[in-house]
Amino acid sequence: MGPGSESPANVIARPVVAGNDKGAQMHIPARTFLTSFLLLALSVTPPEAQQPTTGASASGEVLTNDLVLKMVAAKFGDQIILSKIHTSTCKFDTSIEAILKLREAGVSDTVIQAMVEASARTNAEANDAASKNVPSADPNDPATPHEPGIYWLPKEKREKQMVQLEPSVYSQGKTGGMFASAVTYGIAKAKWKAVVRGGRSNLRISEEKPEFWFYFEVTTHGLSQSGYFFSGASSPNEFILARMSKKSKERELVVGEFGALGSSTGTRSKDVVDFEFKKIAPGIYRVTPNQPLQPGEYCFFYAGANMAMGMTGGKLFDFGVDAAK
């Protein structure tokens, strides 16, 4: 076989085209034919079939630290590795120890950063999917966690929706009986009073023994966020239920008494309403008064130092009781 000639295995016989001798054969290299065939196939392939895949790799392959190390060992450039990371399902170990091993193996900072970001995205997507699969707590089921605070659970089924008691700020405590205390040289006691604006609470309850629920933050052992006025409370036992004196435009509560013979802090016993409570779950308590509540104005307040001797800045949870319908 002469130089430049093709072996029989590498040529394809074709019929002679017009102008050649009749019955003659034209020899075309097989490589040239296959290239032409592939180009023809691509020309009829739908455009969408030629699009590069994004997201997870078509083979379902999961990209790991070991595979990245193999690509680095094979001298793949950063751009190729980055493209693989961006178009694959990734499961990287991005702990400090793992990152140190990657760095020692010659993986560039750019690739390591892309691995860390991909790992963060994967974790965020997993957490988001998990949160969507968890059913939300029923806001009217008292046994489920709620925003910290005090709630009233109505007894009537048609109104069985938990109502949160909003805190009210009381103004600076004012004294009562100052004149009597002065003329008796302090023998008669003067009273410190916490005063709340408005003669009636906005929340009205038509039940003699309403049911309340207390929700505390389990982690910080407080009834509300840090900075709240009794963030140290962790049990209903630290609160007092009291009846307030009603005026035309305000309500007040005696929080201390003082005189020449001494002083005392706290609410008067005649204003206090005893209650019982039961722990349902960590941070969740059911509270009910021991005796029927007569129509009037009431409040829960934290029996802390800020209630003593008229200190300002305190808040209380007020509600009103109307005659049962």
Foldseek 3Di string as FASTA:
>chain_A
DDPPDDDPVQWDWDADDPPDDHPDTDTDGNVVVVVVVVVVVVVPDDPVVVDDAAAADPVLDEDELVNLLVCVVVVPDPVVLLRPLGRHHYDYDLDPVSVVVCVVSPNDPVNSVSNVVSNVVVVVVVVVVVVVVDDDDDQLPQLDADAQAKWWADPDPVPRGIDGFDKFFWAFWDKDCPVVQVVVVFPDKIFTKTKTWAQADPAEAAWQKIKMKGAADLVQQASHDPPAPCGNHNDLVQKWKFFWDGDHTMTMFTAWIGTPVGIDGGGDPVGTFAWDWDDSDRRMIMIITPGTHDWGKMWMFGPDPCSTPRRGDGIIGIHTYDHHD
